[in-house]
Amino acid sequence: MSSVIPLLSNVQVAAPCSALWNEMEAVDGDRVHFCGGCKKNVYNLSAMTQTDAEGLLRKHEGHLCVRRTYPLMGSLDSVAVDNKR
């Protein structure tokens, strides 16, 4: 029997992005916005269940733009961008 490794606790920012979430076009409420700068969808992992967020990461093999709020660090918002643009 194999164990499943939780992905969310291991997410690392490959290349931080200065794009502001609130200035992006909402595609799916607070879950997905479109960045006009890089022409990619940005997925808000903090607005998803752990199962949904980890499923998205697995589907894209970690190569996607994400937003994640870190409540333990004072609610710092971070936009993470894959380094393979």
PDB file of N, CA and C in Angstrom:
ATOM      1  N   MET A   1       0.839  -1.167   0.000  1.00  0.00           N
ATOM      2  CA  MET A   1       0.000   0.000   0.000  1.00  0.00           C
ATOM      3  C   MET A   1       0.891   1.240   0.000  1.00  0.00           C
ATOM      4  N   SER A   2       0.646   2.145  -0.952  1.00  0.00           N
ATOM      5  CA  SER A   2       1.451   3.361  -1.024  1.00  0.00           C
ATOM      6  C   SER A   2       0.730   4.504  -0.324  1.00  0.00           C
ATOM      7  N   SER A   3       1.513   5.398   0.254  1.00  0.00           N
ATOM      8  CA  SER A   3       0.915   6.540   0.928  1.00  0.00           C
ATOM      9  C   SER A   3       0.928   7.739  -0.010  1.00  0.00           C
ATOM     10  N   VAL A   4      -0.037   8.614   0.159  1.00  0.00           N
ATOM     11  CA  VAL A   4      -0.136   9.817  -0.650  1.00  0.00           C
ATOM     12  C   VAL A   4       0.541  10.961   0.096  1.00  0.00           C
ATOM     13  N   ILE A   5       1.451  11.631  -0.574  1.00  0.00           N
ATOM     14  CA  ILE A   5       2.168  12.753   0.029  1.00  0.00           C
ATOM     15  C   ILE A   5       1.346  14.018  -0.198  1.00  0.00           C
ATOM     16  N   PRO A   6       1.023  14.762   0.863  1.00  0.00           N
ATOM     17  CA  PRO A   6       0.261  15.997   0.687  1.00  0.00           C
ATOM     18  C   PRO A   6       1.073  17.020  -0.113  1.00  0.00           C
ATOM     19  N   LEU A   7       0.527  17.476  -1.221  1.00  0.00           N
ATOM     20  CA  LEU A   7       1.252  18.410  -2.072  1.00  0.00           C
ATOM     21  C   LEU A   7       1.239  19.841  -1.556  1.00  0.00           C
ATOM     22  N   LEU A   8       0.120  20.280  -0.995  1.00  0.00           N
ATOM     23  CA  LEU A   8       0.002  21.685  -0.603  1.00  0.00           C
ATOM     24  C   LEU A   8       1.074  22.121   0.384  1.00  0.00           C
ATOM     25  N   SER A   9       1.438  21.257   1.292  1.00  0.00           N
ATOM     26  CA  SER A   9       2.450  21.634   2.277  1.00  0.00           C
ATOM     27  C   SER A   9       3.843  21.703   1.653  1.00  0.00           C
ATOM     28  N   ASN A  10       3.990  21.199   0.426  1.00  0.00           N
ATOM     29  CA  ASN A  10       5.289  21.198  -0.244  1.00  0.00           C
ATOM     30  C   ASN A  10       5.367  22.158  -1.422  1.00  0.00           C
ATOM     31  N   VAL A  11       4.324  22.970  -1.650  1.00  0.00           N
ATOM     32  CA  VAL A  11       4.336  23.916  -2.764  1.00  0.00           C
ATOM     33  C   VAL A  11       5.404  24.967  -2.519  1.00  0.00           C
ATOM     34  N   GLN A  12       6.242  25.187  -3.529  1.00  0.00           N
ATOM     35  CA  GLN A  12       7.280  26.207  -3.438  1.00  0.00           C
ATOM     36  C   GLN A  12       7.146  27.159  -4.614  1.00  0.00           C
ATOM     37  N   VAL A  13       7.469  28.408  -4.393  1.00  0.00           N
ATOM     38  CA  VAL A  13       7.404  29.430  -5.435  1.00  0.00           C
ATOM     39  C   VAL A  13       8.652  29.318  -6.299  1.00  0.00           C
ATOM     40  N   ALA A  14       8.448  29.005  -7.582  1.00  0.00           N
ATOM     41  CA  ALA A  14       9.585  28.888  -8.498  1.00  0.00           C
ATOM     42  C   ALA A  14      10.092  30.272  -8.897  1.00  0.00           C
ATOM     43  N   ALA A  15       9.171  31.173  -9.183  1.00  0.00           N
ATOM     44  CA  ALA A  15       9.535  32.534  -9.585  1.00  0.00           C
ATOM     45  C   ALA A  15       8.407  33.467  -9.164  1.00  0.00           C
ATOM     46  N   PRO A  16       8.600  34.237  -8.097  1.00  0.00           N
ATOM     47  CA  PRO A  16       7.545  35.141  -7.647  1.00  0.00           C
ATOM     48  C   PRO A  16       7.157  36.137  -8.736  1.00  0.00           C
ATOM     49  N   CYS A  17       5.905  36.508  -8.732  1.00  0.00           N
ATOM     50  CA  CYS A  17       5.363  37.419  -9.729  1.00  0.00           C
ATOM     51  C   CYS A  17       4.788  38.642  -9.012  1.00  0.00           C
ATOM     52  N   SER A  18       4.946  39.800  -9.613  1.00  0.00           N
ATOM     53  CA  SER A  18       4.466  41.025  -8.970  1.00  0.00           C
ATOM     54  C   SER A  18       3.044  41.404  -9.397  1.00  0.00           C
ATOM     55  N   ALA A  19       2.416  40.605 -10.251  1.00  0.00           N
ATOM     56  CA  ALA A  19       1.050  40.892 -10.703  1.00  0.00           C
ATOM     57  C   ALA A  19       0.095  40.877  -9.511  1.00  0.00           C
ATOM     58  N   LEU A  20      -0.838  41.809  -9.495  1.00  0.00           N
ATOM     59  CA  LEU A  20      -1.792  41.907  -8.400  1.00  0.00           C
ATOM     60  C   LEU A  20      -3.069  41.137  -8.716  1.00  0.00           C
ATOM     61  N   TRP A  21      -3.467  40.269  -7.819  1.00  0.00           N
ATOM     62  CA  TRP A  21      -4.651  39.422  -7.979  1.00  0.00           C
ATOM     63  C   TRP A  21      -5.891  40.253  -8.289  1.00  0.00           C
ATOM     64  N   ASN A  22      -6.088  41.325  -7.556  1.00  0.00           N
ATOM     65  CA  ASN A  22      -7.286  42.147  -7.716  1.00  0.00           C
ATOM     66  C   ASN A  22      -7.335  42.902  -9.038  1.00  0.00           C
ATOM     67  N   GLU A  23      -6.225  42.971  -9.740  1.00  0.00           N
ATOM     68  CA  GLU A  23      -6.201  43.643 -11.040  1.00  0.00           C
ATOM     69  C   GLU A  23      -6.370  42.657 -12.199  1.00  0.00           C
ATOM     70  N   MET A  24      -6.437  41.368 -11.890  1.00  0.00           N
ATOM     71  CA  MET A  24      -6.644  40.349 -12.924  1.00  0.00           C
ATOM     72  C   MET A  24      -8.133  40.149 -13.163  1.00  0.00           C
ATOM     73  N   GLU A  25      -8.466  39.714 -14.359  1.00  0.00           N
ATOM     74  CA  GLU A  25      -9.858  39.450 -14.724  1.00  0.00           C
ATOM     75  C   GLU A  25     -10.334  38.146 -14.080  1.00  0.00           C
ATOM     76  N   ALA A  26     -11.445  38.204 -13.364  1.00  0.00           N
ATOM     77  CA  ALA A  26     -12.001  36.999 -12.742  1.00  0.00           C
ATOM     78  C   ALA A  26     -12.562  36.079 -13.824  1.00  0.00           C
ATOM     79  N   VAL A  27     -12.164  34.816 -13.786  1.00  0.00           N
ATOM     80  CA  VAL A  27     -12.644  33.812 -14.740  1.00  0.00           C
ATOM     81  C   VAL A  27     -13.646  32.892 -14.053  1.00  0.00           C
ATOM     82  N   ASP A  28     -13.326  32.511 -12.820  1.00  0.00           N
ATOM     83  CA  ASP A  28     -14.188  31.617 -12.037  1.00  0.00           C
ATOM     84  C   ASP A  28     -14.221  32.137 -10.594  1.00  0.00           C
ATOM     85  N   GLY A  29     -14.926  33.240 -10.405  1.00  0.00           N
ATOM     86  CA  GLY A  29     -15.035  33.810  -9.062  1.00  0.00           C
ATOM     87  C   GLY A  29     -13.683  34.097  -8.456  1.00  0.00           C
ATOM     88  N   ASP A  30     -13.477  33.637  -7.225  1.00  0.00           N
ATOM     89  CA  ASP A  30     -12.212  33.852  -6.529  1.00  0.00           C
ATOM     90  C   ASP A  30     -11.249  32.681  -6.724  1.00  0.00           C
ATOM     91  N   ARG A  31     -11.656  31.701  -7.524  1.00  0.00           N
ATOM     92  CA  ARG A  31     -10.806  30.520  -7.738  1.00  0.00           C
ATOM     93  C   ARG A  31      -9.810  30.689  -8.878  1.00  0.00           C
ATOM     94  N   VAL A  32     -10.214  31.391  -9.952  1.00  0.00           N
ATOM     95  CA  VAL A  32      -9.349  31.532 -11.124  1.00  0.00           C
ATOM     96  C   VAL A  32      -9.469  32.947 -11.676  1.00  0.00           C
ATOM     97  N   HIS A  33      -8.323  33.586 -11.888  1.00  0.00           N
ATOM     98  CA  HIS A  33      -8.270  34.888 -12.551  1.00  0.00           C
ATOM     99  C   HIS A  33      -7.335  34.755 -13.751  1.00  0.00           C
ATOM    100  N   PHE A  34      -7.486  35.656 -14.733  1.00  0.00           N
ATOM    101  CA  PHE A  34      -6.624  35.649 -15.913  1.00  0.00           C
ATOM    102  C   PHE A  34      -5.656  36.815 -15.818  1.00  0.00           C
ATOM    103  N   CYS A  35      -4.366  36.523 -15.960  1.00  0.00           N
ATOM    104  CA  CYS A  35      -3.321  37.542 -15.906  1.00  0.00           C
ATOM    105  C   CYS A  35      -3.040  38.040 -17.319  1.00  0.00           C
ATOM    106  N   GLY A  36      -3.309  39.323 -17.557  1.00  0.00           N
ATOM    107  CA  GLY A  36      -3.043  39.910 -18.860  1.00  0.00           C
ATOM    108  C   GLY A  36      -1.561  40.040 -19.157  1.00  0.00           C
ATOM    109  N   GLY A  37      -0.735  40.069 -18.117  1.00  0.00           N
ATOM    110  CA  GLY A  37       0.709  40.201 -18.294  1.00  0.00           C
ATOM    111  C   GLY A  37       1.346  38.967 -18.914  1.00  0.00           C
ATOM    112  N   CYS A  38       1.045  37.808 -18.351  1.00  0.00           N
ATOM    113  CA  CYS A  38       1.659  36.571 -18.855  1.00  0.00           C
ATOM    114  C   CYS A  38       0.693  35.744 -19.699  1.00  0.00           C
ATOM    115  N   LYS A  39      -0.563  36.221 -19.797  1.00  0.00           N
ATOM    116  CA  LYS A  39      -1.592  35.549 -20.612  1.00  0.00           C
ATOM    117  C   LYS A  39      -1.862  34.129 -20.137  1.00  0.00           C
ATOM    118  N   LYS A  40      -1.904  33.968 -18.802  1.00  0.00           N
ATOM    119  CA  LYS A  40      -2.179  32.655 -18.218  1.00  0.00           C
ATOM    120  C   LYS A  40      -3.260  32.782 -17.159  1.00  0.00           C
ATOM    121  N   ASN A  41      -3.962  31.674 -16.916  1.00  0.00           N
ATOM    122  CA  ASN A  41      -4.868  31.610 -15.777  1.00  0.00           C
ATOM    123  C   ASN A  41      -4.037  31.445 -14.514  1.00  0.00           C
ATOM    124  N   VAL A  42      -4.478  32.099 -13.449  1.00  0.00           N
ATOM    125  CA  VAL A  42      -3.829  31.990 -12.145  1.00  0.00           C
ATOM    126  C   VAL A  42      -4.857  31.376 -11.207  1.00  0.00           C
ATOM    127  N   TYR A  43      -4.504  30.268 -10.576  1.00  0.00           N
ATOM    128  CA  TYR A  43      -5.416  29.502  -9.730  1.00  0.00           C
ATOM    129  C   TYR A  43      -5.183  29.839  -8.267  1.00  0.00           C
ATOM    130  N   ASN A  44      -6.247  30.199  -7.566  1.00  0.00           N
ATOM    131  CA  ASN A  44      -6.177  30.558  -6.156  1.00  0.00           C
ATOM    132  C   ASN A  44      -6.335  29.289  -5.310  1.00  0.00           C
ATOM    133  N   LEU A  45      -5.226  28.719  -4.907  1.00  0.00           N
ATOM    134  CA  LEU A  45      -5.266  27.474  -4.128  1.00  0.00           C
ATOM    135  C   LEU A  45      -5.985  27.661  -2.797  1.00  0.00           C
ATOM    136  N   SER A  46      -5.923  28.864  -2.242  1.00  0.00           N
ATOM    137  CA  SER A  46      -6.553  29.123  -0.949  1.00  0.00           C
ATOM    138  C   SER A  46      -8.075  29.135  -1.026  1.00  0.00           C
ATOM    139  N   ALA A  47      -8.631  29.246  -2.233  1.00  0.00           N
ATOM    140  CA  ALA A  47     -10.088  29.247  -2.410  1.00  0.00           C
ATOM    141  C   ALA A  47     -10.610  27.858  -2.768  1.00  0.00           C
ATOM    142  N   MET A  48      -9.732  26.866  -2.721  1.00  0.00           N
ATOM    143  CA  MET A  48     -10.101  25.490  -3.080  1.00  0.00           C
ATOM    144  C   MET A  48      -9.962  24.574  -1.871  1.00  0.00           C
ATOM    145  N   THR A  49     -10.647  23.467  -1.941  1.00  0.00           N
ATOM    146  CA  THR A  49     -10.432  22.445  -0.923  1.00  0.00           C
ATOM    147  C   THR A  49      -9.046  21.857  -1.142  1.00  0.00           C
ATOM    148  N   GLN A  50      -8.513  21.210  -0.143  1.00  0.00           N
ATOM    149  CA  GLN A  50      -7.203  20.580  -0.286  1.00  0.00           C
ATOM    150  C   GLN A  50      -7.232  19.547  -1.409  1.00  0.00           C
ATOM    151  N   THR A  51      -8.304  18.780  -1.496  1.00  0.00           N
ATOM    152  CA  THR A  51      -8.424  17.753  -2.534  1.00  0.00           C
ATOM    153  C   THR A  51      -8.425  18.383  -3.919  1.00  0.00           C
ATOM    154  N   ASP A  52      -9.205  19.464  -4.108  1.00  0.00           N
ATOM    155  CA  ASP A  52      -9.260  20.133  -5.406  1.00  0.00           C
ATOM    156  C   ASP A  52      -7.918  20.754  -5.776  1.00  0.00           C
ATOM    157  N   ALA A  53      -7.289  21.426  -4.816  1.00  0.00           N
ATOM    158  CA  ALA A  53      -6.006  22.084  -5.080  1.00  0.00           C
ATOM    159  C   ALA A  53      -4.929  21.058  -5.423  1.00  0.00           C
ATOM    160  N   GLU A  54      -4.876  19.971  -4.686  1.00  0.00           N
ATOM    161  CA  GLU A  54      -3.866  18.951  -4.959  1.00  0.00           C
ATOM    162  C   GLU A  54      -4.154  18.243  -6.279  1.00  0.00           C
ATOM    163  N   GLY A  55      -5.429  18.064  -6.617  1.00  0.00           N
ATOM    164  CA  GLY A  55      -5.792  17.474  -7.914  1.00  0.00           C
ATOM    165  C   GLY A  55      -5.340  18.363  -9.059  1.00  0.00           C
ATOM    166  N   LEU A  56      -5.505  19.667  -8.910  1.00  0.00           N
ATOM    167  CA  LEU A  56      -5.066  20.624  -9.923  1.00  0.00           C
ATOM    168  C   LEU A  56      -3.550  20.574 -10.087  1.00  0.00           C
ATOM    169  N   LEU A  57      -2.813  20.545  -8.972  1.00  0.00           N
ATOM    170  CA  LEU A  57      -1.354  20.468  -9.032  1.00  0.00           C
ATOM    171  C   LEU A  57      -0.889  19.187  -9.713  1.00  0.00           C
ATOM    172  N   ARG A  58      -1.543  18.086  -9.404  1.00  0.00           N
ATOM    173  CA  ARG A  58      -1.177  16.811 -10.038  1.00  0.00           C
ATOM    174  C   ARG A  58      -1.477  16.844 -11.537  1.00  0.00           C
ATOM    175  N   LYS A  59      -2.643  17.380 -11.893  1.00  0.00           N
ATOM    176  CA  LYS A  59      -3.055  17.437 -13.298  1.00  0.00           C
ATOM    177  C   LYS A  59      -2.048  18.223 -14.136  1.00  0.00           C
ATOM    178  N   HIS A  60      -1.556  19.329 -13.587  1.00  0.00           N
ATOM    179  CA  HIS A  60      -0.622  20.189 -14.319  1.00  0.00           C
ATOM    180  C   HIS A  60       0.830  19.895 -13.981  1.00  0.00           C
ATOM    181  N   GLU A  61       1.067  18.847 -13.211  1.00  0.00           N
ATOM    182  CA  GLU A  61       2.409  18.453 -12.778  1.00  0.00           C
ATOM    183  C   GLU A  61       3.175  19.621 -12.162  1.00  0.00           C
ATOM    184  N   GLY A  62       2.434  20.515 -11.493  1.00  0.00           N
ATOM    185  CA  GLY A  62       3.060  21.627 -10.796  1.00  0.00           C
ATOM    186  C   GLY A  62       3.445  22.797 -11.686  1.00  0.00           C
ATOM    187  N   HIS A  63       3.200  22.710 -12.989  1.00  0.00           N
ATOM    188  CA  HIS A  63       3.590  23.776 -13.919  1.00  0.00           C
ATOM    189  C   HIS A  63       2.402  24.666 -14.229  1.00  0.00           C
ATOM    190  N   LEU A  64       2.088  25.569 -13.303  1.00  0.00           N
ATOM    191  CA  LEU A  64       0.993  26.502 -13.477  1.00  0.00           C
ATOM    192  C   LEU A  64       1.191  27.679 -12.553  1.00  0.00           C
ATOM    193  N   CYS A  65       0.425  28.724 -12.796  1.00  0.00           N
ATOM    194  CA  CYS A  65       0.493  29.914 -11.941  1.00  0.00           C
ATOM    195  C   CYS A  65      -0.532  29.752 -10.833  1.00  0.00           C
ATOM    196  N   VAL A  66      -0.112  30.052  -9.616  1.00  0.00           N
ATOM    197  CA  VAL A  66      -1.017  29.908  -8.485  1.00  0.00           C
ATOM    198  C   VAL A  66      -0.935  31.115  -7.565  1.00  0.00           C
ATOM    199  N   ARG A  67      -1.996  31.292  -6.801  1.00  0.00           N
ATOM    200  CA  ARG A  67      -2.035  32.269  -5.715  1.00  0.00           C
ATOM    201  C   ARG A  67      -2.324  31.471  -4.457  1.00  0.00           C
ATOM    202  N   ARG A  68      -1.641  31.823  -3.397  1.00  0.00           N
ATOM    203  CA  ARG A  68      -1.855  31.106  -2.140  1.00  0.00           C
ATOM    204  C   ARG A  68      -1.706  32.084  -0.997  1.00  0.00           C
ATOM    205  N   THR A  69      -2.610  32.035  -0.053  1.00  0.00           N
ATOM    206  CA  THR A  69      -2.545  32.875   1.135  1.00  0.00           C
ATOM    207  C   THR A  69      -1.914  32.056   2.253  1.00  0.00           C
ATOM    208  N   TYR A  70      -1.001  32.662   2.952  1.00  0.00           N
ATOM    209  CA  TYR A  70      -0.309  31.987   4.039  1.00  0.00           C
ATOM    210  C   TYR A  70      -0.782  32.563   5.361  1.00  0.00           C
ATOM    211  N   PRO A  71      -1.824  31.999   5.963  1.00  0.00           N
ATOM    212  CA  PRO A  71      -2.379  32.575   7.191  1.00  0.00           C
ATOM    213  C   PRO A  71      -1.411  32.580   8.368  1.00  0.00           C
ATOM    214  N   LEU A  72      -0.478  31.666   8.399  1.00  0.00           N
ATOM    215  CA  LEU A  72       0.461  31.614   9.513  1.00  0.00           C
ATOM    216  C   LEU A  72       1.531  32.696   9.417  1.00  0.00           C
ATOM    217  N   MET A  73       1.590  33.350   8.267  1.00  0.00           N
ATOM    218  CA  MET A  73       2.596  34.387   8.060  1.00  0.00           C
ATOM    219  C   MET A  73       1.916  35.751   7.929  1.00  0.00           C
ATOM    220  N   GLY A  74       0.803  35.956   8.606  1.00  0.00           N
ATOM    221  CA  GLY A  74       0.138  37.247   8.576  1.00  0.00           C
ATOM    222  C   GLY A  74      -0.687  37.492   7.341  1.00  0.00           C
ATOM    223  N   SER A  75      -1.274  36.451   6.770  1.00  0.00           N
ATOM    224  CA  SER A  75      -2.122  36.556   5.590  1.00  0.00           C
ATOM    225  C   SER A  75      -1.405  37.203   4.410  1.00  0.00           C
ATOM    226  N   LEU A  76      -0.173  36.856   4.209  1.00  0.00           N
ATOM    227  CA  LEU A  76       0.598  37.362   3.085  1.00  0.00           C
ATOM    228  C   LEU A  76       0.104  36.703   1.808  1.00  0.00           C
ATOM    229  N   ASP A  77      -0.273  37.509   0.820  1.00  0.00           N
ATOM    230  CA  ASP A  77      -0.696  36.975  -0.464  1.00  0.00           C
ATOM    231  C   ASP A  77       0.529  36.817  -1.350  1.00  0.00           C
ATOM    232  N   SER A  78       0.598  35.717  -2.043  1.00  0.00           N
ATOM    233  CA  SER A  78       1.728  35.460  -2.916  1.00  0.00           C
ATOM    234  C   SER A  78       1.236  34.892  -4.225  1.00  0.00           C
ATOM    235  N   VAL A  79       1.715  35.428  -5.315  1.00  0.00           N
ATOM    236  CA  VAL A  79       1.413  34.853  -6.620  1.00  0.00           C
ATOM    237  C   VAL A  79       2.656  34.101  -7.047  1.00  0.00           C
ATOM    238  N   ALA A  80       2.502  32.821  -7.281  1.00  0.00           N
ATOM    239  CA  ALA A  80       3.628  31.993  -7.673  1.00  0.00           C
ATOM    240  C   ALA A  80       3.512  31.665  -9.149  1.00  0.00           C
ATOM    241  N   VAL A  81       4.607  31.771  -9.865  1.00  0.00           N
ATOM    242  CA  VAL A  81       4.575  31.505 -11.288  1.00  0.00           C
ATOM    243  C   VAL A  81       5.583  30.431 -11.616  1.00  0.00           C
ATOM    244  N   ASP A  82       5.171  29.470 -12.393  1.00  0.00           N
ATOM    245  CA  ASP A  82       6.059  28.425 -12.879  1.00  0.00           C
ATOM    246  C   ASP A  82       7.200  29.099 -13.629  1.00  0.00           C
ATOM    247  N   ASN A  83       8.387  28.552 -13.548  1.00  0.00           N
ATOM    248  CA  ASN A  83       9.526  29.153 -14.217  1.00  0.00           C
ATOM    249  C   ASN A  83       9.653  28.725 -15.679  1.00  0.00           C
ATOM    250  N   LYS A  84       8.663  28.035 -16.212  1.00  0.00           N
ATOM    251  CA  LYS A  84       8.692  27.588 -17.610  1.00  0.00           C
ATOM    252  C   LYS A  84       7.695  28.385 -18.432  1.00  0.00           C
ATOM    253  N   ARG A  85       7.893  29.676 -18.561  1.00  0.00           N
ATOM    254  CA  ARG A  85       6.975  30.541 -19.315  1.00  0.00           C
ATOM    255  C   ARG A  85       7.130  30.343 -20.790  1.00  0.00           C
TER     256      ARG A  85
END
